[in-house]
Amino acid sequence: MYRRIRDLREDKDLVQTDMAKALNCSQRVYSDYERGALDIPTEILIKLADFHNTTTDYLLGRTDVSEPLPKTKR
């Protein structure tokens, strides 16, 4: 999972400070997320998936499909 969030960030040419701002946390905390030194809270995991337009399953390594599922109407 940690490699995927780093790769997604780098694919967008963003630095850790950019992601920290988007997630409303410090660069140090975001760095700890990427290194796996700190567990990513569910709320942050969802924000990461939304930011990168992917699914939490992709971030967690449960699938290799990075595209999100289409949203269904209720």
PDB file of N, CA and C in Angstrom:
ATOM      1  N   MET A   1       0.837  -1.193   0.000  1.00  0.00           N
ATOM      2  CA  MET A   1       0.000   0.000   0.000  1.00  0.00           C
ATOM      3  C   MET A   1       0.873   1.244   0.000  1.00  0.00           C
ATOM      4  N   TYR A   2       1.921   1.243   0.790  1.00  0.00           N
ATOM      5  CA  TYR A   2       2.708   2.461   0.954  1.00  0.00           C
ATOM      6  C   TYR A   2       3.415   2.850  -0.343  1.00  0.00           C
ATOM      7  N   ARG A   3       3.872   1.858  -1.070  1.00  0.00           N
ATOM      8  CA  ARG A   3       4.509   2.143  -2.356  1.00  0.00           C
ATOM      9  C   ARG A   3       3.496   2.738  -3.343  1.00  0.00           C
ATOM     10  N   ARG A   4       2.290   2.246  -3.288  1.00  0.00           N
ATOM     11  CA  ARG A   4       1.266   2.751  -4.211  1.00  0.00           C
ATOM     12  C   ARG A   4       0.954   4.226  -3.958  1.00  0.00           C
ATOM     13  N   ILE A   5       0.847   4.629  -2.692  1.00  0.00           N
ATOM     14  CA  ILE A   5       0.536   6.042  -2.463  1.00  0.00           C
ATOM     15  C   ILE A   5       1.711   6.924  -2.866  1.00  0.00           C
ATOM     16  N   ARG A   6       2.923   6.417  -2.705  1.00  0.00           N
ATOM     17  CA  ARG A   6       4.092   7.182  -3.167  1.00  0.00           C
ATOM     18  C   ARG A   6       4.106   7.263  -4.692  1.00  0.00           C
ATOM     19  N   ASP A   7       3.869   6.147  -5.359  1.00  0.00           N
ATOM     20  CA  ASP A   7       3.877   6.142  -6.820  1.00  0.00           C
ATOM     21  C   ASP A   7       2.797   7.059  -7.392  1.00  0.00           C
ATOM     22  N   LEU A   8       1.614   7.030  -6.804  1.00  0.00           N
ATOM     23  CA  LEU A   8       0.538   7.903  -7.281  1.00  0.00           C
ATOM     24  C   LEU A   8       0.922   9.371  -7.116  1.00  0.00           C
ATOM     25  N   ARG A   9       1.534   9.698  -5.990  1.00  0.00           N
ATOM     26  CA  ARG A   9       1.979  11.079  -5.761  1.00  0.00           C
ATOM     27  C   ARG A   9       3.029  11.479  -6.791  1.00  0.00           C
ATOM     28  N   GLU A  10       4.008  10.635  -6.985  1.00  0.00           N
ATOM     29  CA  GLU A  10       5.090  10.937  -7.924  1.00  0.00           C
ATOM     30  C   GLU A  10       4.579  11.018  -9.362  1.00  0.00           C
ATOM     31  N   ASP A  11       3.599  10.199  -9.711  1.00  0.00           N
ATOM     32  CA  ASP A  11       3.017  10.247 -11.060  1.00  0.00           C
ATOM     33  C   ASP A  11       2.404  11.611 -11.351  1.00  0.00           C
ATOM     34  N   LYS A  12       1.954  12.293 -10.309  1.00  0.00           N
ATOM     35  CA  LYS A  12       1.370  13.632 -10.468  1.00  0.00           C
ATOM     36  C   LYS A  12       2.409  14.738 -10.264  1.00  0.00           C
ATOM     37  N   ASP A  13       3.677  14.356 -10.136  1.00  0.00           N
ATOM     38  CA  ASP A  13       4.768  15.313  -9.893  1.00  0.00           C
ATOM     39  C   ASP A  13       4.511  16.173  -8.664  1.00  0.00           C
ATOM     40  N   LEU A  14       4.013  15.538  -7.611  1.00  0.00           N
ATOM     41  CA  LEU A  14       3.761  16.236  -6.352  1.00  0.00           C
ATOM     42  C   LEU A  14       4.828  15.851  -5.340  1.00  0.00           C
ATOM     43  N   VAL A  15       5.104  16.750  -4.424  1.00  0.00           N
ATOM     44  CA  VAL A  15       6.010  16.449  -3.317  1.00  0.00           C
ATOM     45  C   VAL A  15       5.167  16.141  -2.089  1.00  0.00           C
ATOM     46  N   GLN A  16       5.799  15.580  -1.077  1.00  0.00           N
ATOM     47  CA  GLN A  16       5.072  15.200   0.130  1.00  0.00           C
ATOM     48  C   GLN A  16       4.359  16.389   0.765  1.00  0.00           C
ATOM     49  N   THR A  17       4.953  17.558   0.680  1.00  0.00           N
ATOM     50  CA  THR A  17       4.325  18.758   1.245  1.00  0.00           C
ATOM     51  C   THR A  17       2.988  19.044   0.569  1.00  0.00           C
ATOM     52  N   ASP A  18       2.919  18.824  -0.744  1.00  0.00           N
ATOM     53  CA  ASP A  18       1.659  19.021  -1.470  1.00  0.00           C
ATOM     54  C   ASP A  18       0.579  18.085  -0.944  1.00  0.00           C
ATOM     55  N   MET A  19       0.939  16.828  -0.754  1.00  0.00           N
ATOM     56  CA  MET A  19      -0.029  15.855  -0.268  1.00  0.00           C
ATOM     57  C   MET A  19      -0.429  16.161   1.170  1.00  0.00           C
ATOM     58  N   ALA A  20       0.518  16.586   1.976  1.00  0.00           N
ATOM     59  CA  ALA A  20       0.210  16.923   3.360  1.00  0.00           C
ATOM     60  C   ALA A  20      -0.813  18.055   3.423  1.00  0.00           C
ATOM     61  N   LYS A  21      -0.648  19.034   2.565  1.00  0.00           N
ATOM     62  CA  LYS A  21      -1.617  20.141   2.522  1.00  0.00           C
ATOM     63  C   LYS A  21      -2.994  19.630   2.106  1.00  0.00           C
ATOM     64  N   ALA A  22      -3.040  18.767   1.102  1.00  0.00           N
ATOM     65  CA  ALA A  22      -4.312  18.233   0.619  1.00  0.00           C
ATOM     66  C   ALA A  22      -5.018  17.401   1.696  1.00  0.00           C
ATOM     67  N   LEU A  23      -4.239  16.769   2.553  1.00  0.00           N
ATOM     68  CA  LEU A  23      -4.801  15.906   3.592  1.00  0.00           C
ATOM     69  C   LEU A  23      -4.908  16.615   4.940  1.00  0.00           C
ATOM     70  N   ASN A  24      -4.461  17.857   4.977  1.00  0.00           N
ATOM     71  CA  ASN A  24      -4.507  18.651   6.209  1.00  0.00           C
ATOM     72  C   ASN A  24      -3.710  17.988   7.338  1.00  0.00           C
ATOM     73  N   CYS A  25      -2.480  17.603   7.003  1.00  0.00           N
ATOM     74  CA  CYS A  25      -1.577  17.043   8.005  1.00  0.00           C
ATOM     75  C   CYS A  25      -0.187  17.606   7.748  1.00  0.00           C
ATOM     76  N   SER A  26       0.746  17.276   8.591  1.00  0.00           N
ATOM     77  CA  SER A  26       2.115  17.766   8.394  1.00  0.00           C
ATOM     78  C   SER A  26       2.837  16.897   7.368  1.00  0.00           C
ATOM     79  N   GLN A  27       3.901  17.438   6.820  1.00  0.00           N
ATOM     80  CA  GLN A  27       4.722  16.683   5.868  1.00  0.00           C
ATOM     81  C   GLN A  27       5.314  15.463   6.567  1.00  0.00           C
ATOM     82  N   ARG A  28       5.682  15.619   7.824  1.00  0.00           N
ATOM     83  CA  ARG A  28       6.272  14.521   8.600  1.00  0.00           C
ATOM     84  C   ARG A  28       5.282  13.356   8.730  1.00  0.00           C
ATOM     85  N   VAL A  29       4.039  13.675   9.042  1.00  0.00           N
ATOM     86  CA  VAL A  29       3.012  12.637   9.175  1.00  0.00           C
ATOM     87  C   VAL A  29       2.792  11.953   7.828  1.00  0.00           C
ATOM     88  N   TYR A  30       2.703  12.752   6.759  1.00  0.00           N
ATOM     89  CA  TYR A  30       2.501  12.139   5.447  1.00  0.00           C
ATOM     90  C   TYR A  30       3.685  11.245   5.087  1.00  0.00           C
ATOM     91  N   SER A  31       4.889  11.704   5.375  1.00  0.00           N
ATOM     92  CA  SER A  31       6.080  10.893   5.128  1.00  0.00           C
ATOM     93  C   SER A  31       5.994   9.562   5.879  1.00  0.00           C
ATOM     94  N   ASP A  32       5.533   9.624   7.123  1.00  0.00           N
ATOM     95  CA  ASP A  32       5.367   8.400   7.908  1.00  0.00           C
ATOM     96  C   ASP A  32       4.332   7.466   7.282  1.00  0.00           C
ATOM     97  N   TYR A  33       3.278   8.026   6.685  1.00  0.00           N
ATOM     98  CA  TYR A  33       2.304   7.196   5.967  1.00  0.00           C
ATOM     99  C   TYR A  33       2.987   6.474   4.801  1.00  0.00           C
ATOM    100  N   GLU A  34       3.738   7.227   4.014  1.00  0.00           N
ATOM    101  CA  GLU A  34       4.383   6.631   2.831  1.00  0.00           C
ATOM    102  C   GLU A  34       5.415   5.577   3.206  1.00  0.00           C
ATOM    103  N   ARG A  35       6.090   5.750   4.305  1.00  0.00           N
ATOM    104  CA  ARG A  35       7.119   4.795   4.729  1.00  0.00           C
ATOM    105  C   ARG A  35       6.538   3.603   5.473  1.00  0.00           C
ATOM    106  N   GLY A  36       5.265   3.690   5.838  1.00  0.00           N
ATOM    107  CA  GLY A  36       4.652   2.610   6.594  1.00  0.00           C
ATOM    108  C   GLY A  36       4.975   2.679   8.072  1.00  0.00           C
ATOM    109  N   ALA A  37       5.524   3.808   8.514  1.00  0.00           N
ATOM    110  CA  ALA A  37       5.863   3.978   9.922  1.00  0.00           C
ATOM    111  C   ALA A  37       4.640   4.343  10.754  1.00  0.00           C
ATOM    112  N   LEU A  38       3.581   4.744  10.098  1.00  0.00           N
ATOM    113  CA  LEU A  38       2.353   5.157  10.774  1.00  0.00           C
ATOM    114  C   LEU A  38       1.177   4.578  10.001  1.00  0.00           C
ATOM    115  N   ASP A  39       0.262   3.914  10.704  1.00  0.00           N
ATOM    116  CA  ASP A  39      -0.934   3.390  10.047  1.00  0.00           C
ATOM    117  C   ASP A  39      -1.782   4.538   9.520  1.00  0.00           C
ATOM    118  N   ILE A  40      -2.337   4.351   8.342  1.00  0.00           N
ATOM    119  CA  ILE A  40      -3.170   5.383   7.724  1.00  0.00           C
ATOM    120  C   ILE A  40      -4.600   5.228   8.234  1.00  0.00           C
ATOM    121  N   PRO A  41      -5.129   6.261   8.891  1.00  0.00           N
ATOM    122  CA  PRO A  41      -6.517   6.186   9.354  1.00  0.00           C
ATOM    123  C   PRO A  41      -7.479   6.044   8.173  1.00  0.00           C
ATOM    124  N   THR A  42      -8.611   5.419   8.414  1.00  0.00           N
ATOM    125  CA  THR A  42      -9.607   5.196   7.371  1.00  0.00           C
ATOM    126  C   THR A  42      -9.998   6.495   6.680  1.00  0.00           C
ATOM    127  N   GLU A  43     -10.209   7.544   7.440  1.00  0.00           N
ATOM    128  CA  GLU A  43     -10.608   8.835   6.866  1.00  0.00           C
ATOM    129  C   GLU A  43      -9.547   9.353   5.874  1.00  0.00           C
ATOM    130  N   ILE A  44      -8.288   9.193   6.218  1.00  0.00           N
ATOM    131  CA  ILE A  44      -7.202   9.639   5.338  1.00  0.00           C
ATOM    132  C   ILE A  44      -7.103   8.731   4.119  1.00  0.00           C
ATOM    133  N   LEU A  45      -7.304   7.434   4.315  1.00  0.00           N
ATOM    134  CA  LEU A  45      -7.275   6.491   3.198  1.00  0.00           C
ATOM    135  C   LEU A  45      -8.340   6.853   2.166  1.00  0.00           C
ATOM    136  N   ILE A  46      -9.522   7.202   2.639  1.00  0.00           N
ATOM    137  CA  ILE A  46     -10.604   7.606   1.738  1.00  0.00           C
ATOM    138  C   ILE A  46     -10.233   8.902   1.016  1.00  0.00           C
ATOM    139  N   LYS A  47      -9.657   9.861   1.731  1.00  0.00           N
ATOM    140  CA  LYS A  47      -9.227  11.115   1.107  1.00  0.00           C
ATOM    141  C   LYS A  47      -8.166  10.860   0.042  1.00  0.00           C
ATOM    142  N   LEU A  48      -7.243   9.953   0.317  1.00  0.00           N
ATOM    143  CA  LEU A  48      -6.213   9.608  -0.670  1.00  0.00           C
ATOM    144  C   LEU A  48      -6.845   8.998  -1.919  1.00  0.00           C
ATOM    145  N   ALA A  49      -7.771   8.080  -1.729  1.00  0.00           N
ATOM    146  CA  ALA A  49      -8.443   7.449  -2.874  1.00  0.00           C
ATOM    147  C   ALA A  49      -9.183   8.494  -3.693  1.00  0.00           C
ATOM    148  N   ASP A  50      -9.897   9.387  -3.025  1.00  0.00           N
ATOM    149  CA  ASP A  50     -10.622  10.439  -3.735  1.00  0.00           C
ATOM    150  C   ASP A  50      -9.660  11.370  -4.466  1.00  0.00           C
ATOM    151  N   PHE A  51      -8.589  11.757  -3.801  1.00  0.00           N
ATOM    152  CA  PHE A  51      -7.616  12.671  -4.406  1.00  0.00           C
ATOM    153  C   PHE A  51      -7.021  12.069  -5.682  1.00  0.00           C
ATOM    154  N   HIS A  52      -6.691  10.783  -5.619  1.00  0.00           N
ATOM    155  CA  HIS A  52      -6.048  10.117  -6.760  1.00  0.00           C
ATOM    156  C   HIS A  52      -7.056   9.469  -7.709  1.00  0.00           C
ATOM    157  N   ASN A  53      -8.351   9.663  -7.445  1.00  0.00           N
ATOM    158  CA  ASN A  53      -9.413   9.100  -8.274  1.00  0.00           C
ATOM    159  C   ASN A  53      -9.228   7.597  -8.470  1.00  0.00           C
ATOM    160  N   THR A  54      -9.089   6.921  -7.355  1.00  0.00           N
ATOM    161  CA  THR A  54      -8.948   5.472  -7.365  1.00  0.00           C
ATOM    162  C   THR A  54      -9.782   4.912  -6.217  1.00  0.00           C
ATOM    163  N   THR A  55      -9.616   3.642  -5.926  1.00  0.00           N
ATOM    164  CA  THR A  55     -10.384   3.019  -4.856  1.00  0.00           C
ATOM    165  C   THR A  55      -9.485   2.722  -3.662  1.00  0.00           C
ATOM    166  N   THR A  56     -10.114   2.587  -2.514  1.00  0.00           N
ATOM    167  CA  THR A  56      -9.348   2.178  -1.338  1.00  0.00           C
ATOM    168  C   THR A  56      -8.821   0.755  -1.528  1.00  0.00           C
ATOM    169  N   ASP A  57      -9.566  -0.084  -2.230  1.00  0.00           N
ATOM    170  CA  ASP A  57      -9.084  -1.438  -2.507  1.00  0.00           C
ATOM    171  C   ASP A  57      -7.778  -1.407  -3.290  1.00  0.00           C
ATOM    172  N   TYR A  58      -7.655  -0.495  -4.239  1.00  0.00           N
ATOM    173  CA  TYR A  58      -6.402  -0.381  -4.983  1.00  0.00           C
ATOM    174  C   TYR A  58      -5.273   0.061  -4.056  1.00  0.00           C
ATOM    175  N   LEU A  59      -5.539   1.062  -3.236  1.00  0.00           N
ATOM    176  CA  LEU A  59      -4.507   1.538  -2.314  1.00  0.00           C
ATOM    177  C   LEU A  59      -4.071   0.448  -1.345  1.00  0.00           C
ATOM    178  N   LEU A  60      -5.017  -0.374  -0.923  1.00  0.00           N
ATOM    179  CA  LEU A  60      -4.724  -1.440   0.033  1.00  0.00           C
ATOM    180  C   LEU A  60      -4.117  -2.681  -0.610  1.00  0.00           C
ATOM    181  N   GLY A  61      -4.028  -2.696  -1.940  1.00  0.00           N
ATOM    182  CA  GLY A  61      -3.443  -3.840  -2.626  1.00  0.00           C
ATOM    183  C   GLY A  61      -4.405  -4.998  -2.811  1.00  0.00           C
ATOM    184  N   ARG A  62      -5.698  -4.736  -2.632  1.00  0.00           N
ATOM    185  CA  ARG A  62      -6.697  -5.796  -2.802  1.00  0.00           C
ATOM    186  C   ARG A  62      -7.054  -6.010  -4.264  1.00  0.00           C
ATOM    187  N   THR A  63      -6.687  -5.072  -5.120  1.00  0.00           N
ATOM    188  CA  THR A  63      -6.907  -5.182  -6.558  1.00  0.00           C
ATOM    189  C   THR A  63      -5.789  -4.420  -7.264  1.00  0.00           C
ATOM    190  N   ASP A  64      -5.546  -4.800  -8.501  1.00  0.00           N
ATOM    191  CA  ASP A  64      -4.578  -4.067  -9.313  1.00  0.00           C
ATOM    192  C   ASP A  64      -5.272  -3.116 -10.280  1.00  0.00           C
ATOM    193  N   VAL A  65      -6.590  -3.030 -10.194  1.00  0.00           N
ATOM    194  CA  VAL A  65      -7.369  -2.127 -11.041  1.00  0.00           C
ATOM    195  C   VAL A  65      -7.420  -0.778 -10.333  1.00  0.00           C
ATOM    196  N   SER A  66      -6.794   0.222 -10.951  1.00  0.00           N
ATOM    197  CA  SER A  66      -6.709   1.526 -10.280  1.00  0.00           C
ATOM    198  C   SER A  66      -7.898   2.435 -10.567  1.00  0.00           C
ATOM    199  N   GLU A  67      -8.671   2.129 -11.610  1.00  0.00           N
ATOM    200  CA  GLU A  67      -9.812   2.967 -11.954  1.00  0.00           C
ATOM    201  C   GLU A  67     -10.949   2.728 -10.968  1.00  0.00           C
ATOM    202  N   PRO A  68     -11.592   3.805 -10.535  1.00  0.00           N
ATOM    203  CA  PRO A  68     -12.716   3.618  -9.609  1.00  0.00           C
ATOM    204  C   PRO A  68     -13.924   3.023 -10.309  1.00  0.00           C
ATOM    205  N   LEU A  69     -14.757   2.373  -9.543  1.00  0.00           N
ATOM    206  CA  LEU A  69     -16.011   1.846 -10.078  1.00  0.00           C
ATOM    207  C   LEU A  69     -16.937   3.014 -10.393  1.00  0.00           C
ATOM    208  N   PRO A  70     -17.764   2.875 -11.413  1.00  0.00           N
ATOM    209  CA  PRO A  70     -18.719   3.959 -11.698  1.00  0.00           C
ATOM    210  C   PRO A  70     -19.697   4.110 -10.542  1.00  0.00           C
ATOM    211  N   LYS A  71     -20.055   5.345 -10.268  1.00  0.00           N
ATOM    212  CA  LYS A  71     -21.021   5.587  -9.192  1.00  0.00           C
ATOM    213  C   LYS A  71     -22.412   5.220  -9.669  1.00  0.00           C
ATOM    214  N   THR A  72     -23.169   4.581  -8.789  1.00  0.00           N
ATOM    215  CA  THR A  72     -24.522   4.173  -9.133  1.00  0.00           C
ATOM    216  C   THR A  72     -25.519   5.176  -8.566  1.00  0.00           C
ATOM    217  N   LYS A  73     -26.633   5.320  -9.282  1.00  0.00           N
ATOM    218  CA  LYS A  73     -27.707   6.181  -8.802  1.00  0.00           C
ATOM    219  C   LYS A  73     -28.592   5.381  -7.874  1.00  0.00           C
ATOM    220  N   ARG A  74     -29.059   6.035  -6.852  1.00  0.00           N
ATOM    221  CA  ARG A  74     -29.953   5.346  -5.906  1.00  0.00           C
ATOM    222  C   ARG A  74     -31.361   5.743  -6.111  1.00  0.00           C
TER     223      ARG A  74
END
